[in-house]
Amino acid sequence: MSKFQELCNSYEKLLSSAENYENECQDFSKKVVKGFVDYLECGKNDIVLTQLELADDGYYNCNIELTVYEGGDKYASRGYVPEINLKIARNVDEFIVKISTGSKVYLFGKEDTNFDILFDDIYRGIKSYYETPIDNFIHRNMRGLITFP
């Protein structure tokens, strides 16, 4: 086998590994979103994965859009929760998850299905965002940033 063919083989293996990495991160992201639907006990259309793309830092940016309603009526008034952005990466046998506006790092095994520690923090961040006194909300939260741990 020529040295050039060896390079081509190495390149082919790299592409295959990158594709596997991407598929695993995407599948994991979808599993997290489904888990969040179950955690909140909402409809599957109330939480939507709006973006999933590889960033320059090696993490997948996973944007989640959550629809909330006034008075429980889905058709009367809809609101969106801004900026739920997760950064997801795989490291051998585990996934690393960060909330982009937070500092905490969450580690989950490939087979994990319980993400409540992450969901608890997201829930508390959103709830705190909505429960900010209106004077502070207007001055501090106009950009739509939720504070996460």
C-alpha atoms as a PDB file:
ATOM      1  CA  MET A   1       0.000   0.000   0.000  1.00  0.00           C
ATOM      2  CA  SER A   2       1.353   3.419  -0.921  1.00  0.00           C
ATOM      3  CA  LYS A   3       1.856   6.188   1.624  1.00  0.00           C
ATOM      4  CA  PHE A   4      -0.796   8.157  -0.235  1.00  0.00           C
ATOM      5  CA  GLN A   5      -3.276   5.300   0.143  1.00  0.00           C
ATOM      6  CA  GLU A   6      -2.439   5.134   3.859  1.00  0.00           C
ATOM      7  CA  LEU A   7      -3.285   8.851   4.113  1.00  0.00           C
ATOM      8  CA  CYS A   8      -6.550   8.251   2.268  1.00  0.00           C
ATOM      9  CA  ASN A   9      -7.407   5.390   4.642  1.00  0.00           C
ATOM     10  CA  SER A  10      -6.630   7.552   7.665  1.00  0.00           C
ATOM     11  CA  TYR A  11      -8.801  10.321   6.250  1.00  0.00           C
ATOM     12  CA  GLU A  12     -11.653   7.884   5.658  1.00  0.00           C
ATOM     13  CA  LYS A  13     -11.425   6.647   9.276  1.00  0.00           C
ATOM     14  CA  LEU A  14     -11.446  10.245  10.526  1.00  0.00           C
ATOM     15  CA  LEU A  15     -14.593  11.045   8.534  1.00  0.00           C
ATOM     16  CA  SER A  16     -16.294   7.918   9.825  1.00  0.00           C
ATOM     17  CA  SER A  17     -15.373   8.769  13.430  1.00  0.00           C
ATOM     18  CA  ALA A  18     -16.592  12.353  12.989  1.00  0.00           C
ATOM     19  CA  GLU A  19     -19.894  11.120  11.576  1.00  0.00           C
ATOM     20  CA  ASN A  20     -20.340   8.712  14.513  1.00  0.00           C
ATOM     21  CA  TYR A  21     -19.525  11.516  16.971  1.00  0.00           C
ATOM     22  CA  GLU A  22     -22.057  13.810  15.319  1.00  0.00           C
ATOM     23  CA  ASN A  23     -24.774  11.151  15.290  1.00  0.00           C
ATOM     24  CA  GLU A  24     -24.198  10.284  18.945  1.00  0.00           C
ATOM     25  CA  CYS A  25     -24.322  13.964  20.010  1.00  0.00           C
ATOM     26  CA  GLN A  26     -27.479  14.541  17.973  1.00  0.00           C
ATOM     27  CA  ASP A  27     -29.168  11.425  19.367  1.00  0.00           C
ATOM     28  CA  PHE A  28     -28.198  12.444  22.890  1.00  0.00           C
ATOM     29  CA  SER A  29     -29.564  15.970  22.340  1.00  0.00           C
ATOM     30  CA  LYS A  30     -32.887  14.564  21.188  1.00  0.00           C
ATOM     31  CA  LYS A  31     -32.959  12.255  24.218  1.00  0.00           C
ATOM     32  CA  VAL A  32     -32.387  15.271  26.503  1.00  0.00           C
ATOM     33  CA  VAL A  33     -35.219  17.229  24.846  1.00  0.00           C
ATOM     34  CA  LYS A  34     -37.582  14.250  25.149  1.00  0.00           C
ATOM     35  CA  GLY A  35     -36.567  13.892  28.791  1.00  0.00           C
ATOM     36  CA  PHE A  36     -37.278  17.584  29.390  1.00  0.00           C
ATOM     37  CA  VAL A  37     -40.778  17.139  27.919  1.00  0.00           C
ATOM     38  CA  ASP A  38     -41.351  14.263  30.368  1.00  0.00           C
ATOM     39  CA  TYR A  39     -39.831  16.252  33.257  1.00  0.00           C
ATOM     40  CA  LEU A  40     -42.107  19.262  32.683  1.00  0.00           C
ATOM     41  CA  GLU A  41     -45.075  17.023  31.836  1.00  0.00           C
ATOM     42  CA  CYS A  42     -45.895  19.152  28.815  1.00  0.00           C
ATOM     43  CA  GLY A  43     -46.803  18.372  25.240  1.00  0.00           C
ATOM     44  CA  LYS A  44     -44.031  17.276  22.893  1.00  0.00           C
ATOM     45  CA  ASN A  45     -44.755  20.324  20.698  1.00  0.00           C
ATOM     46  CA  ASP A  46     -44.231  22.680  23.658  1.00  0.00           C
ATOM     47  CA  ILE A  47     -40.473  22.061  23.552  1.00  0.00           C
ATOM     48  CA  VAL A  48     -38.724  22.200  20.214  1.00  0.00           C
ATOM     49  CA  LEU A  49     -35.097  21.687  19.262  1.00  0.00           C
ATOM     50  CA  THR A  50     -34.484  24.725  17.034  1.00  0.00           C
ATOM     51  CA  GLN A  51     -30.773  24.416  16.354  1.00  0.00           C
ATOM     52  CA  LEU A  52     -28.203  21.687  16.578  1.00  0.00           C
ATOM     53  CA  GLU A  53     -24.843  22.515  15.064  1.00  0.00           C
ATOM     54  CA  LEU A  54     -21.192  21.942  15.762  1.00  0.00           C
ATOM     55  CA  ALA A  55     -19.437  25.041  17.107  1.00  0.00           C
ATOM     56  CA  ASP A  56     -15.774  25.971  16.782  1.00  0.00           C
ATOM     57  CA  ASP A  57     -15.139  24.900  20.402  1.00  0.00           C
ATOM     58  CA  GLY A  58     -16.083  21.270  19.578  1.00  0.00           C
ATOM     59  CA  TYR A  59     -19.410  21.404  21.376  1.00  0.00           C
ATOM     60  CA  TYR A  60     -22.758  21.028  19.700  1.00  0.00           C
ATOM     61  CA  ASN A  61     -24.938  24.061  20.278  1.00  0.00           C
ATOM     62  CA  CYS A  62     -28.391  22.779  21.102  1.00  0.00           C
ATOM     63  CA  ASN A  63     -31.001  25.545  21.191  1.00  0.00           C
ATOM     64  CA  ILE A  64     -34.269  24.666  22.851  1.00  0.00           C
ATOM     65  CA  GLU A  65     -37.447  26.676  22.470  1.00  0.00           C
ATOM     66  CA  LEU A  66     -40.054  26.253  25.194  1.00  0.00           C
ATOM     67  CA  THR A  67     -43.565  27.582  24.682  1.00  0.00           C
ATOM     68  CA  VAL A  68     -45.480  28.698  27.771  1.00  0.00           C
ATOM     69  CA  TYR A  69     -49.095  29.805  28.005  1.00  0.00           C
ATOM     70  CA  GLU A  70     -51.113  32.267  29.994  1.00  0.00           C
ATOM     71  CA  GLY A  71     -53.906  30.696  32.001  1.00  0.00           C
ATOM     72  CA  GLY A  72     -53.143  27.247  30.637  1.00  0.00           C
ATOM     73  CA  ASP A  73     -54.891  28.047  27.336  1.00  0.00           C
ATOM     74  CA  LYS A  74     -52.589  27.114  24.461  1.00  0.00           C
ATOM     75  CA  TYR A  75     -54.534  29.192  21.994  1.00  0.00           C
ATOM     76  CA  ALA A  76     -55.139  32.404  23.978  1.00  0.00           C
ATOM     77  CA  SER A  77     -51.617  33.608  24.727  1.00  0.00           C
ATOM     78  CA  ARG A  78     -48.283  32.052  23.865  1.00  0.00           C
ATOM     79  CA  GLY A  79     -44.925  33.077  25.197  1.00  0.00           C
ATOM     80  CA  TYR A  80     -41.450  31.825  24.514  1.00  0.00           C
ATOM     81  CA  VAL A  81     -38.615  31.320  26.960  1.00  0.00           C
ATOM     82  CA  PRO A  82     -35.502  32.969  25.531  1.00  0.00           C
ATOM     83  CA  GLU A  83     -31.992  31.543  25.398  1.00  0.00           C
ATOM     84  CA  ILE A  84     -32.014  27.948  26.509  1.00  0.00           C
ATOM     85  CA  ASN A  85     -28.800  26.940  24.840  1.00  0.00           C
ATOM     86  CA  LEU A  86     -27.038  23.735  25.789  1.00  0.00           C
ATOM     87  CA  LYS A  87     -23.500  22.886  24.766  1.00  0.00           C
ATOM     88  CA  ILE A  88     -23.079  19.139  24.316  1.00  0.00           C
ATOM     89  CA  ALA A  89     -19.958  17.090  23.659  1.00  0.00           C
ATOM     90  CA  ARG A  90     -19.029  13.423  23.952  1.00  0.00           C
ATOM     91  CA  ASN A  91     -15.924  12.316  25.789  1.00  0.00           C
ATOM     92  CA  VAL A  92     -15.280   8.573  25.340  1.00  0.00           C
ATOM     93  CA  ASP A  93     -18.054   7.025  27.500  1.00  0.00           C
ATOM     94  CA  GLU A  94     -19.858  10.118  28.706  1.00  0.00           C
ATOM     95  CA  PHE A  95     -21.506  13.289  27.500  1.00  0.00           C
ATOM     96  CA  ILE A  96     -20.573  16.719  28.769  1.00  0.00           C
ATOM     97  CA  VAL A  97     -23.408  19.243  28.989  1.00  0.00           C
ATOM     98  CA  LYS A  98     -23.177  22.934  29.802  1.00  0.00           C
ATOM     99  CA  ILE A  99     -25.850  25.584  29.832  1.00  0.00           C
ATOM    100  CA  SER A 100     -24.214  28.301  27.770  1.00  0.00           C
ATOM    101  CA  THR A 101     -25.165  31.137  30.150  1.00  0.00           C
ATOM    102  CA  GLY A 102     -24.155  29.134  33.242  1.00  0.00           C
ATOM    103  CA  SER A 103     -20.905  27.808  34.627  1.00  0.00           C
ATOM    104  CA  LYS A 104     -21.900  24.346  35.845  1.00  0.00           C
ATOM    105  CA  VAL A 105     -20.806  21.224  33.944  1.00  0.00           C
ATOM    106  CA  TYR A 106     -23.023  18.123  33.872  1.00  0.00           C
ATOM    107  CA  LEU A 107     -21.692  14.649  33.059  1.00  0.00           C
ATOM    108  CA  PHE A 108     -23.939  11.846  31.841  1.00  0.00           C
ATOM    109  CA  GLY A 109     -23.106   8.313  30.769  1.00  0.00           C
ATOM    110  CA  LYS A 110     -24.057   7.202  27.272  1.00  0.00           C
ATOM    111  CA  GLU A 111     -26.881   5.076  28.623  1.00  0.00           C
ATOM    112  CA  ASP A 112     -28.204   7.606  31.159  1.00  0.00           C
ATOM    113  CA  THR A 113     -31.857   8.548  30.852  1.00  0.00           C
ATOM    114  CA  ASN A 114     -32.254  10.595  34.042  1.00  0.00           C
ATOM    115  CA  PHE A 115     -31.202  14.202  33.502  1.00  0.00           C
ATOM    116  CA  ASP A 116     -33.147  15.649  36.446  1.00  0.00           C
ATOM    117  CA  ILE A 117     -30.110  17.444  37.905  1.00  0.00           C
ATOM    118  CA  LEU A 118     -29.845  19.413  34.647  1.00  0.00           C
ATOM    119  CA  PHE A 119     -33.606  19.870  34.311  1.00  0.00           C
ATOM    120  CA  ASP A 120     -33.920  21.087  37.915  1.00  0.00           C
ATOM    121  CA  ASP A 121     -31.401  23.853  37.191  1.00  0.00           C
ATOM    122  CA  ILE A 122     -33.067  24.827  33.902  1.00  0.00           C
ATOM    123  CA  TYR A 123     -36.489  24.863  35.575  1.00  0.00           C
ATOM    124  CA  ARG A 124     -35.253  27.031  38.464  1.00  0.00           C
ATOM    125  CA  GLY A 125     -33.575  29.432  36.021  1.00  0.00           C
ATOM    126  CA  ILE A 126     -36.740  29.870  33.951  1.00  0.00           C
ATOM    127  CA  LYS A 127     -38.945  30.182  37.028  1.00  0.00           C
ATOM    128  CA  SER A 128     -36.616  32.799  38.531  1.00  0.00           C
ATOM    129  CA  TYR A 129     -36.645  34.681  35.217  1.00  0.00           C
ATOM    130  CA  TYR A 130     -40.440  34.903  35.257  1.00  0.00           C
ATOM    131  CA  GLU A 131     -40.602  35.721  38.959  1.00  0.00           C
ATOM    132  CA  THR A 132     -38.186  38.652  38.772  1.00  0.00           C
ATOM    133  CA  PRO A 133     -39.915  41.788  40.109  1.00  0.00           C
ATOM    134  CA  ILE A 134     -41.091  43.850  37.134  1.00  0.00           C
ATOM    135  CA  ASP A 135     -38.788  46.826  37.847  1.00  0.00           C
ATOM    136  CA  ASN A 136     -35.742  44.550  37.848  1.00  0.00           C
ATOM    137  CA  PHE A 137     -37.077  42.507  34.956  1.00  0.00           C
ATOM    138  CA  ILE A 138     -37.398  45.535  32.702  1.00  0.00           C
ATOM    139  CA  HIS A 139     -33.918  46.844  33.496  1.00  0.00           C
ATOM    140  CA  ARG A 140     -32.026  43.574  33.808  1.00  0.00           C
ATOM    141  CA  ASN A 141     -33.770  41.031  31.624  1.00  0.00           C
ATOM    142  CA  MET A 142     -34.615  43.029  28.529  1.00  0.00           C
ATOM    143  CA  ARG A 143     -32.069  41.019  26.571  1.00  0.00           C
ATOM    144  CA  GLY A 144     -33.908  37.833  27.457  1.00  0.00           C
ATOM    145  CA  LEU A 145     -31.116  36.214  29.424  1.00  0.00           C
ATOM    146  CA  ILE A 146     -31.979  33.582  31.996  1.00  0.00           C
ATOM    147  CA  THR A 147     -29.490  33.113  34.834  1.00  0.00           C
ATOM    148  CA  PHE A 148     -28.411  29.513  35.336  1.00  0.00           C
ATOM    149  CA  PRO A 149     -25.983  28.006  37.879  1.00  0.00           C
END
